Amino acid sequence: MAKNSKFKLNIQNVRKILGLVVLAALVVMEIIICAQYASFYDPEQEWWMYLMLVPCCIVVDISVALKFYIFIPQNIKFAMYGADFLFLLIISVITGNDFIVVMYCLDTTELYINSENLKNNLIVFGVGAGVFFASFALGWVRVHEGVQLYTSLVEILGGCLFGFIILSIHFVVIAAFMRYYRMSRRLTKALAEADESKAQLEAAYEKLSMTAVLEERNRIAKDIHDNAGHSITAVIMQTEAAKLLVDSDPEEAKKKIISANIQAKNALDQMRSSVHLLAGRPAVTSLKDGIEEIVAQTVDATDLKIRSDVEDITLGEERTRFLCNSVKECISNGIRHGGATAFYIGARKVDDGVSVLVSDNGVGPSADFRRGYGLNSMSEKAEEFGGGIRISGDADEGCEVEIFIKSCD
């Protein structure tokens, strides 16, 4: 707001300065015209002419000053121009001075500067030119009495043509300059507004970016709390169970320890993935690489047998991370609840999405099977991605979990 006020103030100052320049030039021209008139005519004999000439000049000066420095409605301003032309006509008839065309130019300068209506400017220009022709002709005839008609016509037409050229140049130059000036002002204002809008957009974008970062961090923190917390809880339960079984059933205790080991690795991987995300680095390069890494780590740490058939599928980072975590959850569940020793993992493109299948050779879901926290979380996340999960299998025939998600939103 401060910039705009300053800008408007500068424009007003420019108009005031132009008004002073025009008014000073007008007074100088009036002095020159009156001085030339006094050199040709005796003031004592032509005193009544001076009584008309001087007041006409003063009235024109006052009119020009009022139009520059006081706000005047357009219709009243046009009436003032009509009065100015009448007084200029009187001055021209009295003096017959050729410089009268300059006074017409100075008188109309204010309108050409302040009015953006080209039609109104042309009307004033046309009326002013017509009055100038009449005033020049009448003034010339009065001053040059007794000159032959042919000579009079030639000089009058020549003077009118010269005056019209001066008036036209004055009109065109000011109109072109003001058009350029107004366009420059509008462009400057538009650029200032564009800069302001850009600054506002950048501030809004920065605010949105910060909000998005905070939301992402909150989501990652929730993932760590939910997923890693669940895995660590399972590790504790498995190790406690193994402690109780180590003497009575060493084989079962071994399975519990293996399951706890996988759960611990799962929790570690999830936390590592979350840390990578917080640091702005991708945790998984592709679905194929992610699943193959899970298989390699699991086989190296256990006696499990895992066969995989994963297509090279390109997915977003969040979807890839979800599917890899789901595979880990399925392996952990197969060991803990089904006693599985072998797994098959497959991933392929289907229609507009991706299907991941994890099957095992465990005991399979019982008749009263209910989904636990891990499977419920997996199902909810799959639904967020436009898909879902399917769990099938019979007792002593293993379990099969299929996760389907859409490739993109």
Protein backbone atom coordinates (compact mmCIF):
# COMPACT_ATOMS: atom_id res chain seq x y z
CA MET A 1 0.00 0.00 0.00
CA ALA A 2 2.82 2.39 0.81
CA LYS A 3 4.40 1.84 -2.58
CA ASN A 4 1.16 2.59 -4.42
CA SER A 5 0.58 5.81 -2.43
CA LYS A 6 4.08 6.97 -3.23
CA PHE A 7 3.58 6.14 -6.88
CA LYS A 8 0.36 8.18 -7.05
CA LEU A 9 2.04 11.06 -5.25
CA ASN A 10 4.81 11.14 -7.85
CA ILE A 11 2.26 11.25 -10.67
CA GLN A 12 0.53 14.21 -9.04
CA ASN A 13 3.87 15.99 -8.71
CA VAL A 14 4.61 15.43 -12.39
CA ARG A 15 1.24 16.92 -13.35
CA LYS A 16 1.84 19.93 -11.14
CA ILE A 17 5.25 20.53 -12.70
CA LEU A 18 3.80 20.20 -16.21
CA GLY A 19 1.08 22.66 -15.22
CA LEU A 20 3.68 25.20 -14.11
CA VAL A 21 5.67 24.74 -17.33
CA VAL A 22 2.58 25.13 -19.55
CA LEU A 23 1.33 28.14 -17.57
CA ALA A 24 4.73 29.82 -17.69
CA ALA A 25 5.02 29.21 -21.45
CA LEU A 26 1.50 30.57 -21.95
CA VAL A 27 2.29 33.77 -20.02
CA VAL A 28 5.51 34.23 -22.01
CA MET A 29 3.62 33.86 -25.30
CA GLU A 30 0.97 36.35 -24.14
CA ILE A 31 3.68 38.87 -23.23
CA ILE A 32 5.32 38.41 -26.64
CA ILE A 33 2.00 38.80 -28.47
CA CYS A 34 1.01 41.87 -26.45
CA ALA A 35 4.48 43.42 -26.91
CA GLN A 36 4.34 42.90 -30.68
CA TYR A 37 0.85 44.35 -30.76
CA ALA A 38 2.02 47.43 -28.78
CA SER A 39 4.88 47.94 -31.25
CA PHE A 40 2.45 48.20 -34.17
CA TYR A 41 -0.44 50.05 -32.52
CA ASP A 42 -0.41 53.11 -30.27
CA PRO A 43 -1.85 52.13 -26.87
CA GLU A 44 -3.41 55.59 -26.49
CA GLN A 45 -5.40 55.15 -29.71
CA GLU A 46 -6.12 51.42 -29.25
CA TRP A 47 -6.73 51.53 -25.47
CA TRP A 48 -10.11 49.83 -25.76
CA MET A 49 -8.40 46.95 -27.56
CA TYR A 50 -6.00 46.59 -24.63
CA LEU A 51 -8.97 46.54 -22.28
CA MET A 52 -10.19 43.45 -24.16
CA LEU A 53 -6.79 41.86 -24.84
CA VAL A 54 -5.35 41.78 -21.32
CA PRO A 55 -8.46 40.37 -19.57
CA CYS A 56 -8.77 37.67 -22.26
CA CYS A 57 -5.17 36.60 -21.60
CA ILE A 58 -5.75 36.54 -17.84
CA VAL A 59 -8.96 34.50 -18.19
CA VAL A 60 -7.16 31.94 -20.37
CA ASP A 61 -4.34 31.70 -17.80
CA ILE A 62 -6.79 31.16 -14.95
CA SER A 63 -8.68 28.53 -16.96
CA VAL A 64 -5.49 26.59 -17.72
CA ALA A 65 -4.40 26.75 -14.06
CA LEU A 66 -7.79 25.52 -12.83
CA LYS A 67 -7.80 22.60 -15.25
CA PHE A 68 -4.32 21.51 -14.14
CA TYR A 69 -4.70 21.93 -10.38
CA ILE A 70 -8.38 21.40 -9.58
CA PHE A 71 -10.57 18.41 -10.34
CA ILE A 72 -13.25 19.51 -12.78
CA PRO A 73 -16.01 17.28 -14.21
CA GLN A 74 -15.61 16.43 -17.88
CA ASN A 75 -18.67 18.33 -19.13
CA ILE A 76 -17.64 21.52 -17.30
CA LYS A 77 -14.09 21.11 -18.60
CA PHE A 78 -15.38 20.95 -22.20
CA ALA A 79 -17.35 24.15 -21.58
CA MET A 80 -14.17 25.78 -20.30
CA TYR A 81 -12.33 24.75 -23.46
CA GLY A 82 -15.10 26.30 -25.52
CA ALA A 83 -14.70 29.54 -23.56
CA ASP A 84 -10.90 29.38 -23.99
CA PHE A 85 -11.27 29.04 -27.76
CA LEU A 86 -13.59 32.06 -27.78
CA PHE A 87 -11.07 34.19 -25.86
CA LEU A 88 -8.24 32.98 -28.10
CA LEU A 89 -10.38 33.95 -31.08
CA ILE A 90 -10.73 37.45 -29.64
CA ILE A 91 -6.98 37.68 -28.97
CA SER A 92 -6.23 36.52 -32.51
CA VAL A 93 -8.67 38.96 -34.11
CA ILE A 94 -7.24 41.84 -32.09
CA THR A 95 -3.55 41.09 -32.64
CA GLY A 96 -3.49 39.03 -35.85
CA ASN A 97 -0.36 37.40 -34.43
CA ASP A 98 0.98 34.22 -36.04
CA PHE A 99 2.06 32.86 -32.62
CA ILE A 100 -1.56 32.34 -31.61
CA VAL A 101 -1.25 28.69 -32.74
CA VAL A 102 1.19 28.10 -29.86
CA MET A 103 -1.44 29.33 -27.40
CA TYR A 104 -3.95 26.84 -28.84
CA CYS A 105 -1.39 24.07 -28.31
CA LEU A 106 -0.63 25.11 -24.74
CA ASP A 107 -4.32 25.44 -23.88
CA THR A 108 -5.18 21.89 -25.04
CA THR A 109 -2.09 20.24 -23.50
CA GLU A 110 -3.86 19.51 -20.20
CA LEU A 111 -6.66 17.56 -21.92
CA TYR A 112 -4.29 15.49 -24.05
CA ILE A 113 -2.23 14.62 -20.95
CA ASN A 114 -5.03 13.74 -18.53
CA SER A 115 -7.75 12.31 -20.78
CA GLU A 116 -7.50 8.70 -21.98
CA ASN A 117 -10.59 9.07 -24.18
CA LEU A 118 -9.24 9.45 -27.71
CA LYS A 119 -12.67 10.37 -29.08
CA ASN A 120 -13.01 13.35 -26.72
CA ASN A 121 -9.47 14.44 -27.51
CA LEU A 122 -10.18 14.33 -31.25
CA ILE A 123 -13.35 16.39 -30.78
CA VAL A 124 -11.47 19.09 -28.87
CA PHE A 125 -8.67 18.96 -31.45
CA GLY A 126 -11.13 19.37 -34.32
CA VAL A 127 -13.03 22.23 -32.66
CA GLY A 128 -9.79 23.94 -31.68
CA ALA A 129 -8.42 23.62 -35.23
CA GLY A 130 -11.64 25.04 -36.70
CA VAL A 131 -11.65 28.01 -34.31
CA PHE A 132 -7.96 28.56 -35.06
CA PHE A 133 -8.67 28.71 -38.81
CA ALA A 134 -11.39 31.28 -38.23
CA SER A 135 -9.36 33.34 -35.75
CA PHE A 136 -6.27 33.31 -37.96
CA ALA A 137 -8.23 34.39 -41.03
CA LEU A 138 -10.08 37.17 -39.19
CA GLY A 139 -6.91 38.39 -37.50
CA TRP A 140 -4.95 38.37 -40.75
CA VAL A 141 -7.67 40.31 -42.59
CA ARG A 142 -7.85 42.91 -39.79
CA VAL A 143 -4.09 43.44 -39.69
CA HIS A 144 -3.54 43.37 -43.47
CA GLU A 145 -6.22 45.70 -44.74
CA GLY A 146 -5.96 46.68 -48.41
CA VAL A 147 -4.02 43.58 -49.52
CA GLN A 148 -5.17 42.02 -52.79
CA LEU A 149 -7.69 39.18 -52.50
CA TYR A 150 -5.47 36.58 -54.22
CA THR A 151 -2.53 37.39 -51.97
CA SER A 152 -4.80 37.32 -48.92
CA LEU A 153 -6.19 33.88 -49.78
CA VAL A 154 -2.75 32.40 -50.43
CA GLU A 155 -1.28 33.72 -47.18
CA ILE A 156 -4.37 32.83 -45.13
CA LEU A 157 -4.44 29.28 -46.51
CA GLY A 158 -0.69 28.95 -46.01
CA GLY A 159 -0.96 30.20 -42.42
CA CYS A 160 -3.91 27.90 -41.71
CA LEU A 161 -2.06 24.92 -43.18
CA PHE A 162 1.06 25.70 -41.17
CA GLY A 163 -1.01 26.13 -38.02
CA PHE A 164 -2.86 22.86 -38.67
CA ILE A 165 0.46 21.05 -39.04
CA ILE A 166 1.66 22.49 -35.72
CA LEU A 167 -1.61 21.55 -33.99
CA SER A 168 -1.46 18.03 -35.47
CA ILE A 169 2.15 17.47 -34.46
CA HIS A 170 1.34 18.70 -30.95
CA PHE A 171 -1.66 16.35 -30.73
CA VAL A 172 0.13 13.28 -32.15
CA VAL A 173 3.32 13.72 -30.09
CA ILE A 174 1.48 14.13 -26.78
CA ALA A 175 -1.00 11.34 -27.60
CA ALA A 176 1.83 8.94 -28.51
CA PHE A 177 3.90 9.90 -25.48
CA MET A 178 0.95 9.56 -23.08
CA ARG A 179 -0.02 6.22 -24.60
CA TYR A 180 3.52 4.95 -24.06
CA TYR A 181 3.61 6.48 -20.58
CA ARG A 182 0.28 4.92 -19.53
CA MET A 183 1.28 1.53 -20.92
CA SER A 184 4.57 1.80 -19.05
CA ARG A 185 2.70 2.63 -15.84
CA ARG A 186 0.31 -0.29 -16.30
CA LEU A 187 3.22 -2.62 -17.06
CA THR A 188 5.13 -1.40 -14.01
CA LYS A 189 2.05 -1.85 -11.85
CA ALA A 190 1.39 -5.30 -13.32
CA LEU A 191 5.00 -6.33 -12.68
CA ALA A 192 4.79 -5.05 -9.11
CA GLU A 193 1.56 -6.99 -8.57
CA ALA A 194 3.12 -10.06 -10.19
CA ASP A 195 6.14 -9.78 -7.86
CA GLU A 196 3.81 -9.42 -4.89
CA SER A 197 1.74 -12.40 -6.03
CA LYS A 198 4.93 -14.40 -6.58
CA ALA A 199 6.10 -13.56 -3.06
CA GLN A 200 2.72 -14.57 -1.64
CA LEU A 201 2.75 -17.81 -3.63
CA GLU A 202 6.28 -18.60 -2.51
CA ALA A 203 5.28 -17.95 1.11
CA ALA A 204 2.19 -20.13 0.70
CA TYR A 205 4.24 -22.85 -1.03
CA GLU A 206 6.83 -22.77 1.76
CA LYS A 207 4.05 -23.02 4.33
CA LEU A 208 2.47 -25.93 2.46
CA SER A 209 5.86 -27.60 2.12
CA MET A 210 6.46 -27.29 5.85
CA THR A 211 2.98 -28.65 6.51
CA ALA A 212 3.62 -31.55 4.13
CA VAL A 213 6.96 -32.27 5.81
CA LEU A 214 5.35 -32.26 9.25
CA GLU A 215 2.52 -34.50 8.05
CA GLU A 216 5.02 -36.92 6.51
CA ARG A 217 7.08 -36.98 9.69
CA ASN A 218 3.96 -37.62 11.75
CA ARG A 219 3.02 -40.45 9.40
CA ILE A 220 6.49 -41.97 9.63
CA ALA A 221 6.44 -41.65 13.42
CA LYS A 222 3.09 -43.45 13.46
CA ASP A 223 4.50 -46.19 11.21
CA ILE A 224 7.45 -46.64 13.57
CA HIS A 225 5.15 -46.75 16.57
CA ASP A 226 2.67 -49.16 14.99
CA ASN A 227 4.78 -51.48 12.85
CA ALA A 228 8.12 -51.55 14.62
CA GLY A 229 6.37 -51.52 17.99
CA HIS A 230 4.26 -54.49 16.95
CA SER A 231 7.33 -56.37 15.71
CA ILE A 232 9.31 -55.71 18.90
CA THR A 233 6.35 -56.84 21.01
CA ALA A 234 6.24 -60.06 18.99
CA VAL A 235 10.00 -60.53 19.52
CA ILE A 236 9.56 -60.24 23.28
CA MET A 237 6.66 -62.71 23.28
CA GLN A 238 8.57 -65.21 21.10
CA THR A 239 11.73 -65.08 23.21
CA GLU A 240 9.74 -65.43 26.44
CA ALA A 241 7.96 -68.46 24.97
CA ALA A 242 11.30 -69.92 23.83
CA LYS A 243 12.67 -69.60 27.37
CA LEU A 244 9.77 -71.65 28.69
CA LEU A 245 10.13 -74.33 26.00
CA VAL A 246 13.91 -74.62 25.77
CA ASP A 247 14.03 -77.59 28.20
CA SER A 248 10.75 -79.37 27.46
CA ASP A 249 10.57 -78.84 23.67
CA PRO A 250 13.88 -77.62 22.20
CA GLU A 251 12.62 -77.89 18.59
CA GLU A 252 9.64 -75.63 19.28
CA ALA A 253 11.88 -73.24 21.20
CA LYS A 254 14.16 -73.08 18.16
CA LYS A 255 11.19 -72.14 15.95
CA LYS A 256 10.24 -69.40 18.40
CA ILE A 257 13.76 -68.01 18.35
CA ILE A 258 13.84 -68.08 14.53
CA SER A 259 10.52 -66.25 14.44
CA ALA A 260 11.81 -63.70 16.95
CA ASN A 261 14.93 -63.22 14.84
CA ILE A 262 12.85 -62.50 11.74
CA GLN A 263 10.61 -60.13 13.70
CA ALA A 264 13.66 -58.29 15.03
CA LYS A 265 15.10 -57.93 11.53
CA ASN A 266 11.70 -56.76 10.33
CA ALA A 267 11.57 -54.10 13.05
CA LEU A 268 15.14 -53.03 12.27
CA ASP A 269 14.39 -52.76 8.55
CA GLN A 270 11.25 -50.73 9.21
CA MET A 271 13.11 -48.32 11.46
CA ARG A 272 15.97 -48.04 8.95
CA SER A 273 13.47 -47.35 6.18
CA SER A 274 11.81 -44.65 8.29
CA VAL A 275 15.16 -43.02 9.04
CA HIS A 276 15.98 -42.98 5.32
CA LEU A 277 12.66 -41.31 4.61
CA LEU A 278 13.28 -38.66 7.25
CA ALA A 279 16.66 -38.02 5.65
CA GLY A 280 15.04 -37.67 2.24
CA ARG A 281 16.63 -40.81 0.77
CA PRO A 282 14.65 -43.61 -0.86
CA ALA A 283 14.71 -46.77 1.27
CA VAL A 284 13.89 -49.24 -1.51
CA THR A 285 14.97 -48.96 -5.12
CA SER A 286 12.32 -51.29 -6.59
CA LEU A 287 9.82 -53.96 -5.56
CA LYS A 288 11.94 -56.74 -7.08
CA ASP A 289 15.09 -55.58 -5.26
CA GLY A 290 13.21 -55.14 -2.01
CA ILE A 291 11.68 -58.62 -2.00
CA GLU A 292 14.93 -60.27 -3.08
CA GLU A 293 16.71 -58.53 -0.20
CA ILE A 294 14.07 -59.82 2.24
CA VAL A 295 14.48 -63.36 0.91
CA ALA A 296 18.29 -63.22 1.14
CA GLN A 297 18.30 -61.89 4.71
CA THR A 298 15.71 -64.42 5.88
CA VAL A 299 17.43 -67.43 4.29
CA ASP A 300 20.84 -66.40 5.64
CA ALA A 301 19.55 -66.09 9.20
CA THR A 302 17.31 -69.21 9.28
CA ASP A 303 16.85 -72.71 7.89
CA LEU A 304 13.78 -71.58 5.92
CA LYS A 305 13.40 -72.37 2.25
CA ILE A 306 11.98 -69.52 0.16
CA ARG A 307 11.28 -69.52 -3.56
CA SER A 308 10.41 -66.24 -5.26
CA ASP A 309 9.16 -65.16 -8.66
CA VAL A 310 8.97 -61.37 -8.80
CA GLU A 311 8.44 -59.34 -11.96
CA ASP A 312 10.36 -56.11 -12.43
CA ILE A 313 7.60 -53.68 -11.46
CA THR A 314 7.94 -49.93 -11.08
CA LEU A 315 5.92 -48.46 -8.22
CA GLY A 316 5.94 -45.39 -6.05
CA GLU A 317 8.17 -45.46 -2.98
CA GLU A 318 5.30 -45.65 -0.49
CA ARG A 319 3.61 -48.55 -2.31
CA THR A 320 6.88 -50.44 -2.65
CA ARG A 321 7.59 -50.00 1.05
CA PHE A 322 4.10 -51.22 1.96
CA LEU A 323 4.37 -54.39 -0.14
CA CYS A 324 7.84 -55.22 1.23
CA ASN A 325 6.61 -54.77 4.81
CA SER A 326 3.59 -56.94 4.00
CA VAL A 327 5.85 -59.74 2.75
CA LYS A 328 7.83 -59.57 6.01
CA GLU A 329 4.60 -59.70 8.02
CA CYS A 330 3.37 -62.75 6.08
CA ILE A 331 6.66 -64.63 6.63
CA SER A 332 6.62 -63.80 10.33
CA ASN A 333 2.98 -64.90 10.70
CA GLY A 334 3.66 -68.14 8.80
CA ILE A 335 6.45 -69.06 11.20
CA ARG A 336 4.79 -67.94 14.43
CA HIS A 337 1.26 -69.17 13.85
CA GLY A 338 1.64 -71.88 11.21
CA GLY A 339 5.06 -73.34 11.93
CA ALA A 340 5.96 -72.95 8.24
CA THR A 341 9.39 -73.99 6.99
CA ALA A 342 9.01 -73.09 3.31
CA PHE A 343 7.52 -70.09 1.48
CA TYR A 344 6.68 -68.99 -2.03
CA ILE A 345 6.64 -65.28 -2.88
CA GLY A 346 5.30 -64.04 -6.20
CA ALA A 347 4.66 -60.54 -7.54
CA ARG A 348 3.15 -59.65 -10.91
CA LYS A 349 1.28 -56.94 -12.75
CA VAL A 350 -2.48 -57.42 -13.02
CA ASP A 351 -4.69 -54.99 -14.96
CA ASP A 352 -4.14 -51.57 -13.37
CA GLY A 353 -2.38 -52.85 -10.27
CA VAL A 354 0.07 -55.23 -8.64
CA SER A 355 -0.59 -58.56 -6.95
CA VAL A 356 1.78 -60.03 -4.37
CA LEU A 357 1.23 -63.63 -3.25
CA VAL A 358 2.84 -65.24 -0.17
CA SER A 359 2.11 -68.92 0.51
CA ASP A 360 3.62 -71.30 3.06
CA ASN A 361 3.56 -74.98 4.09
CA GLY A 362 2.35 -74.33 7.62
CA VAL A 363 -0.76 -75.62 9.36
CA GLY A 364 -2.99 -73.01 7.71
CA PRO A 365 -5.72 -70.89 9.30
CA SER A 366 -8.01 -72.63 11.78
CA ALA A 367 -11.80 -72.59 11.69
CA ASP A 368 -11.96 -69.82 14.29
CA PHE A 369 -9.23 -67.76 12.59
CA ARG A 370 -9.34 -64.03 13.26
CA ARG A 371 -7.10 -61.38 11.86
CA GLY A 372 -4.62 -59.86 14.27
CA TYR A 373 -3.19 -56.36 14.44
CA GLY A 374 -0.65 -56.92 11.66
CA LEU A 375 -3.14 -58.29 9.12
CA ASN A 376 -5.72 -55.62 9.96
CA SER A 377 -3.15 -52.86 9.45
CA MET A 378 -2.10 -54.50 6.17
CA SER A 379 -5.71 -54.66 4.98
CA GLU A 380 -6.42 -51.02 5.85
CA LYS A 381 -3.30 -49.82 4.05
CA ALA A 382 -4.10 -51.92 0.98
CA GLU A 383 -7.57 -50.36 0.86
CA GLU A 384 -5.98 -46.90 0.98
CA PHE A 385 -4.12 -47.88 -2.19
CA GLY A 386 -7.33 -48.98 -3.89
CA GLY A 387 -6.96 -52.70 -3.23
CA GLY A 388 -7.25 -55.25 -0.44
CA ILE A 389 -5.98 -58.59 0.86
CA ARG A 390 -7.24 -62.17 0.53
CA ILE A 391 -6.40 -64.94 3.01
CA SER A 392 -7.09 -68.58 2.13
CA GLY A 393 -6.01 -72.07 3.14
CA ASP A 394 -7.18 -75.09 5.10
CA ALA A 395 -5.88 -76.71 8.23
CA ASP A 396 -2.63 -78.62 7.62
CA GLU A 397 -2.51 -77.36 4.01
CA GLY A 398 -0.69 -74.10 4.49
CA CYS A 399 -1.80 -70.50 4.20
CA GLU A 400 -1.96 -68.19 1.21
CA VAL A 401 -2.10 -64.38 1.47
CA GLU A 402 -2.62 -62.23 -1.62
CA ILE A 403 -2.20 -58.46 -1.48
CA PHE A 404 -3.51 -56.33 -4.33
CA ILE A 405 -3.00 -52.58 -4.78
CA LYS A 406 -3.42 -50.19 -7.69
CA SER A 407 -0.26 -48.97 -9.37
CA CYS A 408 -1.26 -45.32 -8.88
CA ASP A 409 -4.05 -43.23 -7.36
